[in-house]
Amino acid sequence: MAYGMMRGVTRRLMLLDTASLYFRAYFGVPESVKAPDGTPVNAVRGLLEFIDRLVRDHRPTDLVACMDADWRPQWRVDLIPSYKAHRVAEEHEAGPDEEEVPDTLSPQVPVIEAVLDALGIARVGVAGYEADDVIGTFTARAKDPVDIVTGDRDLYQLVDDEREVRVLYPLKGVGTLQLTDEAWLREKYGVVGRGYADLALLRGDPSDGLPGVPGIGEKTAAKLLDQFGDLAGIMAAVDDPAAKLTPSQRKRLDEARAYVAVAPKVVLVAADVPLPDVDTALPREPRDPAALEALAARWGLGGSLQRLQATLGT
């Protein structure tokens, strides 16, 4: 991955939480958008339009479509069995469980992957890890500014003003993005960066099957983190009779020790994923023009793909 200065321009890496974005595209673009054979391609075209808008508005020099090679890694499930359990459509003993996905979205994912590959946009998924972990590792390794585009608030934990790492959270399509920096996090949640992971761990997250600490909601969690600094400080306070915890807080935290001991590894995104060696530079021309032309014709990608190609070429 080439970072640093190129033609006098500081590099900026954009990391896409691809599944988060194509789910949004799927639900945001009508299913009446179809290929010539009648197959819905709303997620495909919607994602291409998202990427076009993101590149035009934010001008990254490097772009990676980060993928879920394993949306529910076993090592997380081993620590917290309820992790994403409610999303399992089918369990498999000899491989990853299948996630519950709308019937007309699943067939579009391979098309998305093929189009990204033909364009030459770096696409990275690593066995045993979620896209969040791929994003966390790229972010940890980056030497220059990073924009993380995701509809998943879990990635707020990576926000770091000093390293110029921010999250662009789609509010409406990707034309309206919430630019999440430390000031925004502090105002909204009373925490920044890693503190957001501790907050999420304490309050729980039903969408991920994280139980949290019963009786400790978001406001209480933020207050405790402000008072004691971090999760370790809070748990140290449980053992300190002089610490200013209410009896119910002390009891609930004490009873949740087993959960608190394992939850950080589940909630924190990995920063040590074995990433493949990929060229992350924004492609100025397609890697495989013939394949791209065939995909455009087969799936009726029309103006969505043409506009993105034009944007990439400028």
C-alpha atoms as a PDB file:
ATOM      1  CA  MET A   1       0.000   0.000   0.000  1.00  0.00           C
ATOM      2  CA  ALA A   2       1.583   3.258  -1.090  1.00  0.00           C
ATOM      3  CA  TYR A   3       1.189   6.151   1.282  1.00  0.00           C
ATOM      4  CA  GLY A   4       2.899   9.480   1.698  1.00  0.00           C
ATOM      5  CA  MET A   5       3.110  12.242  -0.885  1.00  0.00           C
ATOM      6  CA  MET A   6       2.300  11.770  -4.557  1.00  0.00           C
ATOM      7  CA  ARG A   7       2.566  14.676  -6.984  1.00  0.00           C
ATOM      8  CA  GLY A   8       2.562  17.001  -3.977  1.00  0.00           C
ATOM      9  CA  VAL A   9      -0.845  15.777  -2.791  1.00  0.00           C
ATOM     10  CA  THR A  10      -1.364  14.289   0.658  1.00  0.00           C
ATOM     11  CA  ARG A  11      -2.937  10.873   0.376  1.00  0.00           C
ATOM     12  CA  ARG A  12      -6.315  10.175   1.929  1.00  0.00           C
ATOM     13  CA  LEU A  13      -7.557   6.625   2.409  1.00  0.00           C
ATOM     14  CA  MET A  14     -11.288   5.905   2.216  1.00  0.00           C
ATOM     15  CA  LEU A  15     -12.449   2.612   3.739  1.00  0.00           C
ATOM     16  CA  LEU A  16     -15.909   1.357   2.791  1.00  0.00           C
ATOM     17  CA  ASP A  17     -17.911  -0.876   5.112  1.00  0.00           C
ATOM     18  CA  THR A  18     -19.229  -2.460   1.930  1.00  0.00           C
ATOM     19  CA  ALA A  19     -22.029  -4.634   3.321  1.00  0.00           C
ATOM     20  CA  SER A  20     -23.349  -1.729   5.372  1.00  0.00           C
ATOM     21  CA  LEU A  21     -23.503   0.367   2.199  1.00  0.00           C
ATOM     22  CA  TYR A  22     -25.037  -2.225  -0.112  1.00  0.00           C
ATOM     23  CA  PHE A  23     -27.714  -3.020   2.494  1.00  0.00           C
ATOM     24  CA  ARG A  24     -28.552   0.699   2.513  1.00  0.00           C
ATOM     25  CA  ALA A  25     -28.536   0.777  -1.279  1.00  0.00           C
ATOM     26  CA  TYR A  26     -30.824  -2.264  -1.396  1.00  0.00           C
ATOM     27  CA  PHE A  27     -33.416  -0.661   0.876  1.00  0.00           C
ATOM     28  CA  GLY A  28     -32.958   2.826  -0.609  1.00  0.00           C
ATOM     29  CA  VAL A  29     -33.303   1.979  -4.322  1.00  0.00           C
ATOM     30  CA  PRO A  30     -36.551   0.374  -5.568  1.00  0.00           C
ATOM     31  CA  GLU A  31     -36.508  -3.292  -6.620  1.00  0.00           C
ATOM     32  CA  SER A  32     -38.000  -2.123  -9.908  1.00  0.00           C
ATOM     33  CA  VAL A  33     -34.395  -1.332 -10.929  1.00  0.00           C
ATOM     34  CA  LYS A  34     -33.668  -4.559 -12.791  1.00  0.00           C
ATOM     35  CA  ALA A  35     -31.285  -6.239 -15.220  1.00  0.00           C
ATOM     36  CA  PRO A  36     -32.530  -6.989 -18.773  1.00  0.00           C
ATOM     37  CA  ASP A  37     -33.622 -10.460 -17.620  1.00  0.00           C
ATOM     38  CA  GLY A  38     -35.724  -9.009 -14.796  1.00  0.00           C
ATOM     39  CA  THR A  39     -33.277  -9.736 -11.943  1.00  0.00           C
ATOM     40  CA  PRO A  40     -33.230  -6.896  -9.364  1.00  0.00           C
ATOM     41  CA  VAL A  41     -29.943  -4.953  -9.390  1.00  0.00           C
ATOM     42  CA  ASN A  42     -30.990  -2.151  -7.044  1.00  0.00           C
ATOM     43  CA  ALA A  43     -28.186  -2.890  -4.539  1.00  0.00           C
ATOM     44  CA  VAL A  44     -25.572  -3.065  -7.307  1.00  0.00           C
ATOM     45  CA  ARG A  45     -26.549   0.193  -8.963  1.00  0.00           C
ATOM     46  CA  GLY A  46     -27.190   1.910  -5.648  1.00  0.00           C
ATOM     47  CA  LEU A  47     -23.728   0.995  -4.362  1.00  0.00           C
ATOM     48  CA  LEU A  48     -22.062   2.216  -7.577  1.00  0.00           C
ATOM     49  CA  GLU A  49     -23.900   5.519  -7.187  1.00  0.00           C
ATOM     50  CA  PHE A  50     -22.826   5.714  -3.530  1.00  0.00           C
ATOM     51  CA  ILE A  51     -19.172   5.196  -4.460  1.00  0.00           C
ATOM     52  CA  ASP A  52     -19.428   7.767  -7.255  1.00  0.00           C
ATOM     53  CA  ARG A  53     -20.818  10.375  -4.866  1.00  0.00           C
ATOM     54  CA  LEU A  54     -18.259   9.571  -2.155  1.00  0.00           C
ATOM     55  CA  VAL A  55     -15.316   9.869  -4.530  1.00  0.00           C
ATOM     56  CA  ARG A  56     -16.637  13.125  -6.052  1.00  0.00           C
ATOM     57  CA  ASP A  57     -17.376  14.740  -2.692  1.00  0.00           C
ATOM     58  CA  HIS A  58     -14.349  13.575  -0.683  1.00  0.00           C
ATOM     59  CA  ARG A  59     -11.628  12.963  -3.297  1.00  0.00           C
ATOM     60  CA  PRO A  60      -9.765  10.060  -1.689  1.00  0.00           C
ATOM     61  CA  THR A  61      -6.486   9.028  -3.312  1.00  0.00           C
ATOM     62  CA  ASP A  62      -6.910   5.459  -2.008  1.00  0.00           C
ATOM     63  CA  LEU A  63     -10.055   3.378  -1.689  1.00  0.00           C
ATOM     64  CA  VAL A  64     -10.731  -0.062  -0.209  1.00  0.00           C
ATOM     65  CA  ALA A  65     -14.040  -1.936  -0.276  1.00  0.00           C
ATOM     66  CA  CYS A  66     -13.809  -3.892   2.999  1.00  0.00           C
ATOM     67  CA  MET A  67     -15.798  -7.130   3.071  1.00  0.00           C
ATOM     68  CA  ASP A  68     -17.207  -9.536   5.661  1.00  0.00           C
ATOM     69  CA  ALA A  69     -15.358 -12.782   4.937  1.00  0.00           C
ATOM     70  CA  ASP A  70     -16.978 -13.974   8.173  1.00  0.00           C
ATOM     71  CA  TRP A  71     -19.816 -11.825   9.492  1.00  0.00           C
ATOM     72  CA  ARG A  72     -19.969 -13.776  12.806  1.00  0.00           C
ATOM     73  CA  PRO A  73     -16.455 -15.039  13.641  1.00  0.00           C
ATOM     74  CA  GLN A  74     -16.365 -18.128  15.844  1.00  0.00           C
ATOM     75  CA  TRP A  75     -13.782 -16.575  18.162  1.00  0.00           C
ATOM     76  CA  ARG A  76     -16.298 -13.854  19.043  1.00  0.00           C
ATOM     77  CA  VAL A  77     -19.143 -16.356  19.461  1.00  0.00           C
ATOM     78  CA  ASP A  78     -16.959 -18.483  21.759  1.00  0.00           C
ATOM     79  CA  LEU A  79     -16.640 -15.482  24.079  1.00  0.00           C
ATOM     80  CA  ILE A  80     -20.248 -14.262  23.871  1.00  0.00           C
ATOM     81  CA  PRO A  81     -22.578 -16.949  22.385  1.00  0.00           C
ATOM     82  CA  SER A  82     -25.398 -14.441  21.825  1.00  0.00           C
ATOM     83  CA  TYR A  83     -23.198 -12.395  19.459  1.00  0.00           C
ATOM     84  CA  LYS A  84     -25.347 -11.748  16.350  1.00  0.00           C
ATOM     85  CA  ALA A  85     -27.217 -15.004  17.093  1.00  0.00           C
ATOM     86  CA  HIS A  86     -30.575 -13.458  16.162  1.00  0.00           C
ATOM     87  CA  ARG A  87     -29.321 -12.842  12.609  1.00  0.00           C
ATOM     88  CA  VAL A  88     -28.403 -16.466  11.879  1.00  0.00           C
ATOM     89  CA  ALA A  89     -30.482 -17.905   9.032  1.00  0.00           C
ATOM     90  CA  GLU A  90     -28.736 -21.275   8.932  1.00  0.00           C
ATOM     91  CA  GLU A  91     -26.051 -22.847  11.095  1.00  0.00           C
ATOM     92  CA  HIS A  92     -23.120 -24.787   9.621  1.00  0.00           C
ATOM     93  CA  GLU A  93     -20.801 -27.002  11.647  1.00  0.00           C
ATOM     94  CA  ALA A  94     -18.035 -26.970   9.035  1.00  0.00           C
ATOM     95  CA  GLY A  95     -18.012 -23.264   8.200  1.00  0.00           C
ATOM     96  CA  PRO A  96     -19.473 -19.829   8.910  1.00  0.00           C
ATOM     97  CA  ASP A  97     -23.170 -19.558   9.699  1.00  0.00           C
ATOM     98  CA  GLU A  98     -25.331 -17.940   7.036  1.00  0.00           C
ATOM     99  CA  GLU A  99     -26.659 -14.476   7.784  1.00  0.00           C
ATOM    100  CA  GLU A 100     -30.313 -13.699   7.246  1.00  0.00           C
ATOM    101  CA  VAL A 101     -30.321 -11.615   4.056  1.00  0.00           C
ATOM    102  CA  PRO A 102     -33.274 -10.602   1.836  1.00  0.00           C
ATOM    103  CA  ASP A 103     -33.807 -13.158  -0.963  1.00  0.00           C
ATOM    104  CA  THR A 104     -33.259 -10.623  -3.736  1.00  0.00           C
ATOM    105  CA  LEU A 105     -30.121  -9.141  -2.183  1.00  0.00           C
ATOM    106  CA  SER A 106     -28.005 -12.315  -1.876  1.00  0.00           C
ATOM    107  CA  PRO A 107     -27.678 -12.870  -5.663  1.00  0.00           C
ATOM    108  CA  GLN A 108     -26.518  -9.272  -6.107  1.00  0.00           C
ATOM    109  CA  VAL A 109     -23.466  -9.612  -3.844  1.00  0.00           C
ATOM    110  CA  PRO A 110     -21.355 -11.655  -6.322  1.00  0.00           C
ATOM    111  CA  VAL A 111     -22.234  -9.097  -9.011  1.00  0.00           C
ATOM    112  CA  ILE A 112     -21.045  -6.280  -6.757  1.00  0.00           C
ATOM    113  CA  GLU A 113     -17.791  -8.139  -6.133  1.00  0.00           C
ATOM    114  CA  ALA A 114     -17.237  -8.813  -9.841  1.00  0.00           C
ATOM    115  CA  VAL A 115     -17.863  -5.172 -10.792  1.00  0.00           C
ATOM    116  CA  LEU A 116     -15.514  -3.838  -8.095  1.00  0.00           C
ATOM    117  CA  ASP A 117     -12.819  -6.268  -9.255  1.00  0.00           C
ATOM    118  CA  ALA A 118     -13.237  -5.321 -12.927  1.00  0.00           C
ATOM    119  CA  LEU A 119     -13.047  -1.632 -12.034  1.00  0.00           C
ATOM    120  CA  GLY A 120      -9.849  -2.240 -10.079  1.00  0.00           C
ATOM    121  CA  ILE A 121     -11.188  -1.016  -6.733  1.00  0.00           C
ATOM    122  CA  ALA A 122      -9.320  -2.876  -3.989  1.00  0.00           C
ATOM    123  CA  ARG A 123     -11.659  -5.374  -2.305  1.00  0.00           C
ATOM    124  CA  VAL A 124     -10.437  -6.987   0.907  1.00  0.00           C
ATOM    125  CA  GLY A 125     -11.994  -9.635   3.109  1.00  0.00           C
ATOM    126  CA  VAL A 126      -9.973 -11.921   5.387  1.00  0.00           C
ATOM    127  CA  ALA A 127     -11.117 -15.370   6.549  1.00  0.00           C
ATOM    128  CA  GLY A 128     -12.211 -15.381  10.187  1.00  0.00           C
ATOM    129  CA  TYR A 129     -12.752 -11.614  10.362  1.00  0.00           C
ATOM    130  CA  GLU A 130     -15.484  -9.057   9.825  1.00  0.00           C
ATOM    131  CA  ALA A 131     -15.182  -5.990   7.613  1.00  0.00           C
ATOM    132  CA  ASP A 132     -14.897  -3.933  10.829  1.00  0.00           C
ATOM    133  CA  ASP A 133     -11.659  -5.765  11.641  1.00  0.00           C
ATOM    134  CA  VAL A 134     -10.267  -5.173   8.145  1.00  0.00           C
ATOM    135  CA  ILE A 135     -11.132  -1.487   8.540  1.00  0.00           C
ATOM    136  CA  GLY A 136      -9.521  -1.411  11.996  1.00  0.00           C
ATOM    137  CA  THR A 137      -6.284  -2.887  10.675  1.00  0.00           C
ATOM    138  CA  PHE A 138      -6.052  -0.601   7.644  1.00  0.00           C
ATOM    139  CA  THR A 139      -6.696   2.324   9.996  1.00  0.00           C
ATOM    140  CA  ALA A 140      -4.023   1.205  12.458  1.00  0.00           C
ATOM    141  CA  ARG A 141      -1.470   0.949   9.646  1.00  0.00           C
ATOM    142  CA  ALA A 142      -2.360   4.215   7.899  1.00  0.00           C
ATOM    143  CA  LYS A 143       0.160   7.027   7.889  1.00  0.00           C
ATOM    144  CA  ASP A 144      -2.240   9.587   6.432  1.00  0.00           C
ATOM    145  CA  PRO A 145      -5.849  10.758   6.913  1.00  0.00           C
ATOM    146  CA  VAL A 146      -8.571   8.083   6.877  1.00  0.00           C
ATOM    147  CA  ASP A 147     -12.277   8.387   6.086  1.00  0.00           C
ATOM    148  CA  ILE A 148     -14.352   5.376   7.214  1.00  0.00           C
ATOM    149  CA  VAL A 149     -17.744   5.195   5.506  1.00  0.00           C
ATOM    150  CA  THR A 150     -20.168   3.056   7.502  1.00  0.00           C
ATOM    151  CA  GLY A 151     -23.671   2.877   8.876  1.00  0.00           C
ATOM    152  CA  ASP A 152     -22.302   0.930  11.863  1.00  0.00           C
ATOM    153  CA  ARG A 153     -21.726   3.023  14.972  1.00  0.00           C
ATOM    154  CA  ASP A 154     -19.330   0.383  16.351  1.00  0.00           C
ATOM    155  CA  LEU A 155     -16.619   1.996  14.223  1.00  0.00           C
ATOM    156  CA  TYR A 156     -16.882   5.259  16.168  1.00  0.00           C
ATOM    157  CA  GLN A 157     -14.232   3.667  18.396  1.00  0.00           C
ATOM    158  CA  LEU A 158     -11.650   4.343  15.642  1.00  0.00           C
ATOM    159  CA  VAL A 159     -12.216   8.109  15.529  1.00  0.00           C
ATOM    160  CA  ASP A 160      -8.953   9.892  16.303  1.00  0.00           C
ATOM    161  CA  ASP A 161      -8.500  13.619  15.626  1.00  0.00           C
ATOM    162  CA  GLU A 162      -4.737  13.513  16.129  1.00  0.00           C
ATOM    163  CA  ARG A 163      -4.364  10.858  13.406  1.00  0.00           C
ATOM    164  CA  GLU A 164      -7.093  12.460  11.236  1.00  0.00           C
ATOM    165  CA  VAL A 165      -9.323   9.404  11.381  1.00  0.00           C
ATOM    166  CA  ARG A 166     -13.030  10.192  11.069  1.00  0.00           C
ATOM    167  CA  VAL A 167     -16.239   8.285  10.367  1.00  0.00           C
ATOM    168  CA  LEU A 168     -18.618   9.386   7.619  1.00  0.00           C
ATOM    169  CA  TYR A 169     -22.000   8.042   8.717  1.00  0.00           C
ATOM    170  CA  PRO A 170     -24.757   8.105   6.061  1.00  0.00           C
ATOM    171  CA  LEU A 171     -27.924   9.837   7.193  1.00  0.00           C
ATOM    172  CA  LYS A 172     -29.670   9.892   3.817  1.00  0.00           C
ATOM    173  CA  GLY A 173     -28.026   7.968   1.003  1.00  0.00           C
ATOM    174  CA  VAL A 174     -24.455   9.184   1.035  1.00  0.00           C
ATOM    175  CA  GLY A 175     -25.273  12.729  -0.006  1.00  0.00           C
ATOM    176  CA  THR A 176     -25.919  13.632   3.620  1.00  0.00           C
ATOM    177  CA  LEU A 177     -23.187  12.316   5.883  1.00  0.00           C
ATOM    178  CA  GLN A 178     -22.628  12.859   9.570  1.00  0.00           C
ATOM    179  CA  LEU A 179     -18.964  13.749   9.901  1.00  0.00           C
ATOM    180  CA  THR A 180     -18.036  12.047  13.140  1.00  0.00           C
ATOM    181  CA  ASP A 181     -14.987  13.440  14.918  1.00  0.00           C
ATOM    182  CA  GLU A 182     -14.007  13.650  18.580  1.00  0.00           C
ATOM    183  CA  ALA A 183     -15.979  16.855  19.180  1.00  0.00           C
ATOM    184  CA  TRP A 184     -19.163  15.262  17.831  1.00  0.00           C
ATOM    185  CA  LEU A 185     -18.653  12.098  19.895  1.00  0.00           C
ATOM    186  CA  ARG A 186     -17.957  14.092  23.046  1.00  0.00           C
ATOM    187  CA  GLU A 187     -21.113  16.156  22.580  1.00  0.00           C
ATOM    188  CA  LYS A 188     -23.323  13.188  21.689  1.00  0.00           C
ATOM    189  CA  TYR A 189     -21.976  10.468  24.019  1.00  0.00           C
ATOM    190  CA  GLY A 190     -19.556  12.159  26.393  1.00  0.00           C
ATOM    191  CA  VAL A 191     -16.714   9.884  25.214  1.00  0.00           C
ATOM    192  CA  VAL A 192     -14.193   9.710  22.396  1.00  0.00           C
ATOM    193  CA  GLY A 193     -12.480   6.918  20.469  1.00  0.00           C
ATOM    194  CA  ARG A 194     -11.836   3.827  22.582  1.00  0.00           C
ATOM    195  CA  GLY A 195     -14.245   5.202  25.167  1.00  0.00           C
ATOM    196  CA  TYR A 196     -17.078   4.553  22.712  1.00  0.00           C
ATOM    197  CA  ALA A 197     -16.254   0.829  22.739  1.00  0.00           C
ATOM    198  CA  ASP A 198     -16.403   0.806  26.555  1.00  0.00           C
ATOM    199  CA  LEU A 199     -19.726   2.682  26.412  1.00  0.00           C
ATOM    200  CA  ALA A 200     -21.194   0.194  23.908  1.00  0.00           C
ATOM    201  CA  LEU A 201     -19.958  -2.751  25.974  1.00  0.00           C
ATOM    202  CA  LEU A 202     -21.577  -1.456  29.166  1.00  0.00           C
ATOM    203  CA  ARG A 203     -24.925  -0.394  27.710  1.00  0.00           C
ATOM    204  CA  GLY A 204     -25.168  -3.404  25.374  1.00  0.00           C
ATOM    205  CA  ASP A 205     -26.251  -3.497  21.745  1.00  0.00           C
ATOM    206  CA  PRO A 206     -29.310  -5.569  20.797  1.00  0.00           C
ATOM    207  CA  SER A 207     -28.454  -5.332  17.088  1.00  0.00           C
ATOM    208  CA  ASP A 208     -25.232  -7.270  17.768  1.00  0.00           C
ATOM    209  CA  GLY A 209     -26.608  -9.521  20.513  1.00  0.00           C
ATOM    210  CA  LEU A 210     -24.454  -7.871  23.200  1.00  0.00           C
ATOM    211  CA  PRO A 211     -26.279  -8.090  26.534  1.00  0.00           C
ATOM    212  CA  GLY A 212     -24.458  -5.240  28.287  1.00  0.00           C
ATOM    213  CA  VAL A 213     -24.548  -4.799  32.038  1.00  0.00           C
ATOM    214  CA  PRO A 214     -28.177  -4.988  33.241  1.00  0.00           C
ATOM    215  CA  GLY A 215     -29.321  -1.657  34.631  1.00  0.00           C
ATOM    216  CA  ILE A 216     -26.425   0.316  33.112  1.00  0.00           C
ATOM    217  CA  GLY A 217     -27.828   2.381  30.259  1.00  0.00           C
ATOM    218  CA  GLU A 218     -26.047   4.789  27.949  1.00  0.00           C
ATOM    219  CA  LYS A 219     -26.205   7.831  30.230  1.00  0.00           C
ATOM    220  CA  THR A 220     -25.051   5.907  33.298  1.00  0.00           C
ATOM    221  CA  ALA A 221     -22.236   4.293  31.290  1.00  0.00           C
ATOM    222  CA  ALA A 222     -21.065   7.698  30.032  1.00  0.00           C
ATOM    223  CA  LYS A 223     -21.173   9.108  33.571  1.00  0.00           C
ATOM    224  CA  LEU A 224     -19.161   6.185  34.962  1.00  0.00           C
ATOM    225  CA  LEU A 225     -16.572   6.503  32.182  1.00  0.00           C
ATOM    226  CA  ASP A 226     -16.252  10.227  32.857  1.00  0.00           C
ATOM    227  CA  GLN A 227     -15.873   9.507  36.568  1.00  0.00           C
ATOM    228  CA  PHE A 228     -13.439   6.577  36.406  1.00  0.00           C
ATOM    229  CA  GLY A 229     -11.730   7.036  33.035  1.00  0.00           C
ATOM    230  CA  ASP A 230     -12.244   3.692  31.356  1.00  0.00           C
ATOM    231  CA  LEU A 231     -13.661   0.203  31.835  1.00  0.00           C
ATOM    232  CA  ALA A 232     -10.677  -0.924  33.913  1.00  0.00           C
ATOM    233  CA  GLY A 233     -11.122   2.123  36.167  1.00  0.00           C
ATOM    234  CA  ILE A 234     -14.805   1.335  36.635  1.00  0.00           C
ATOM    235  CA  MET A 235     -14.126  -2.276  37.588  1.00  0.00           C
ATOM    236  CA  ALA A 236     -11.357  -1.164  39.976  1.00  0.00           C
ATOM    237  CA  ALA A 237     -13.919   1.107  41.616  1.00  0.00           C
ATOM    238  CA  VAL A 238     -16.183  -1.882  42.222  1.00  0.00           C
ATOM    239  CA  ASP A 239     -13.445  -3.296  44.462  1.00  0.00           C
ATOM    240  CA  ASP A 240     -12.822   0.034  46.208  1.00  0.00           C
ATOM    241  CA  PRO A 241     -15.310   0.629  49.060  1.00  0.00           C
ATOM    242  CA  ALA A 242     -14.434   4.343  48.959  1.00  0.00           C
ATOM    243  CA  ALA A 243     -15.330   4.738  45.274  1.00  0.00           C
ATOM    244  CA  LYS A 244     -18.486   6.717  44.586  1.00  0.00           C
ATOM    245  CA  LEU A 245     -20.730   4.038  43.140  1.00  0.00           C
ATOM    246  CA  THR A 246     -24.342   3.536  44.167  1.00  0.00           C
ATOM    247  CA  PRO A 247     -25.024   0.184  45.841  1.00  0.00           C
ATOM    248  CA  SER A 248     -27.051  -0.973  42.814  1.00  0.00           C
ATOM    249  CA  GLN A 249     -24.288   0.031  40.364  1.00  0.00           C
ATOM    250  CA  ARG A 250     -21.692  -1.788  42.421  1.00  0.00           C
ATOM    251  CA  LYS A 251     -23.878  -4.905  42.618  1.00  0.00           C
ATOM    252  CA  ARG A 252     -24.710  -4.946  38.905  1.00  0.00           C
ATOM    253  CA  LEU A 253     -21.109  -4.440  37.814  1.00  0.00           C
ATOM    254  CA  ASP A 254     -19.892  -7.054  40.260  1.00  0.00           C
ATOM    255  CA  GLU A 255     -22.409  -9.585  38.942  1.00  0.00           C
ATOM    256  CA  ALA A 256     -21.356  -8.810  35.358  1.00  0.00           C
ATOM    257  CA  ARG A 257     -17.634  -9.565  35.870  1.00  0.00           C
ATOM    258  CA  ALA A 258     -17.662 -12.623  33.628  1.00  0.00           C
ATOM    259  CA  TYR A 259     -19.213 -10.630  30.773  1.00  0.00           C
ATOM    260  CA  VAL A 260     -16.950  -7.610  31.308  1.00  0.00           C
ATOM    261  CA  ALA A 261     -13.880  -9.866  31.253  1.00  0.00           C
ATOM    262  CA  VAL A 262     -14.536 -11.158  27.717  1.00  0.00           C
ATOM    263  CA  ALA A 263     -16.606  -8.408  26.091  1.00  0.00           C
ATOM    264  CA  PRO A 264     -13.714  -6.069  25.168  1.00  0.00           C
ATOM    265  CA  LYS A 265     -12.260  -8.640  22.781  1.00  0.00           C
ATOM    266  CA  VAL A 266     -15.669  -8.965  21.114  1.00  0.00           C
ATOM    267  CA  VAL A 267     -16.467  -5.245  20.932  1.00  0.00           C
ATOM    268  CA  LEU A 268     -13.040  -3.878  19.991  1.00  0.00           C
ATOM    269  CA  VAL A 269     -12.259  -4.161  16.284  1.00  0.00           C
ATOM    270  CA  ALA A 270      -9.083  -6.083  15.519  1.00  0.00           C
ATOM    271  CA  ALA A 271      -5.980  -4.143  14.501  1.00  0.00           C
ATOM    272  CA  ASP A 272      -3.840  -7.145  13.564  1.00  0.00           C
ATOM    273  CA  VAL A 273      -5.692  -8.799  10.691  1.00  0.00           C
ATOM    274  CA  PRO A 274      -3.279 -10.430   8.177  1.00  0.00           C
ATOM    275  CA  LEU A 275      -4.144  -8.158   5.252  1.00  0.00           C
ATOM    276  CA  PRO A 276      -3.192  -9.184   1.737  1.00  0.00           C
ATOM    277  CA  ASP A 277      -0.817  -6.981  -0.232  1.00  0.00           C
ATOM    278  CA  VAL A 278      -3.168  -4.895  -2.378  1.00  0.00           C
ATOM    279  CA  ASP A 279      -2.892  -1.738  -4.439  1.00  0.00           C
ATOM    280  CA  THR A 280      -5.282   0.670  -2.745  1.00  0.00           C
ATOM    281  CA  ALA A 281      -4.784   3.547  -5.202  1.00  0.00           C
ATOM    282  CA  LEU A 282      -7.985   4.844  -6.773  1.00  0.00           C
ATOM    283  CA  PRO A 283      -8.118   3.268 -10.255  1.00  0.00           C
ATOM    284  CA  ARG A 284      -8.061   5.792 -13.090  1.00  0.00           C
ATOM    285  CA  GLU A 285      -9.112   3.182 -15.637  1.00  0.00           C
ATOM    286  CA  PRO A 286     -10.701  -0.258 -15.350  1.00  0.00           C
ATOM    287  CA  ARG A 287      -8.501  -3.216 -14.477  1.00  0.00           C
ATOM    288  CA  ASP A 288     -10.469  -5.437 -16.863  1.00  0.00           C
ATOM    289  CA  PRO A 289     -12.384  -3.340 -19.439  1.00  0.00           C
ATOM    290  CA  ALA A 290     -13.747  -6.390 -21.308  1.00  0.00           C
ATOM    291  CA  ALA A 291     -15.142  -7.964 -18.122  1.00  0.00           C
ATOM    292  CA  LEU A 292     -16.624  -4.624 -17.073  1.00  0.00           C
ATOM    293  CA  GLU A 293     -18.332  -4.188 -20.450  1.00  0.00           C
ATOM    294  CA  ALA A 294     -19.790  -7.691 -20.215  1.00  0.00           C
ATOM    295  CA  LEU A 295     -21.028  -7.079 -16.664  1.00  0.00           C
ATOM    296  CA  ALA A 296     -22.591  -3.751 -17.671  1.00  0.00           C
ATOM    297  CA  ALA A 297     -24.489  -5.418 -20.522  1.00  0.00           C
ATOM    298  CA  ARG A 298     -25.494  -8.539 -18.562  1.00  0.00           C
ATOM    299  CA  TRP A 299     -26.810  -6.639 -15.563  1.00  0.00           C
ATOM    300  CA  GLY A 300     -27.969  -3.397 -17.196  1.00  0.00           C
ATOM    301  CA  LEU A 301     -25.740  -1.178 -15.074  1.00  0.00           C
ATOM    302  CA  GLY A 302     -26.003   1.720 -17.523  1.00  0.00           C
ATOM    303  CA  GLY A 303     -25.555   5.241 -16.255  1.00  0.00           C
ATOM    304  CA  SER A 304     -24.615   4.207 -12.693  1.00  0.00           C
ATOM    305  CA  LEU A 305     -21.437   2.507 -13.915  1.00  0.00           C
ATOM    306  CA  GLN A 306     -20.678   5.103 -16.588  1.00  0.00           C
ATOM    307  CA  ARG A 307     -20.827   7.950 -14.068  1.00  0.00           C
ATOM    308  CA  LEU A 308     -18.544   6.137 -11.649  1.00  0.00           C
ATOM    309  CA  GLN A 309     -16.023   5.394 -14.411  1.00  0.00           C
ATOM    310  CA  ALA A 310     -16.056   9.034 -15.437  1.00  0.00           C
ATOM    311  CA  THR A 311     -15.489  10.142 -11.833  1.00  0.00           C
ATOM    312  CA  LEU A 312     -12.630   7.672 -11.351  1.00  0.00           C
ATOM    313  CA  GLY A 313     -11.001   8.898 -14.556  1.00  0.00           C
ATOM    314  CA  THR A 314     -10.878  12.565 -13.529  1.00  0.00           C
END
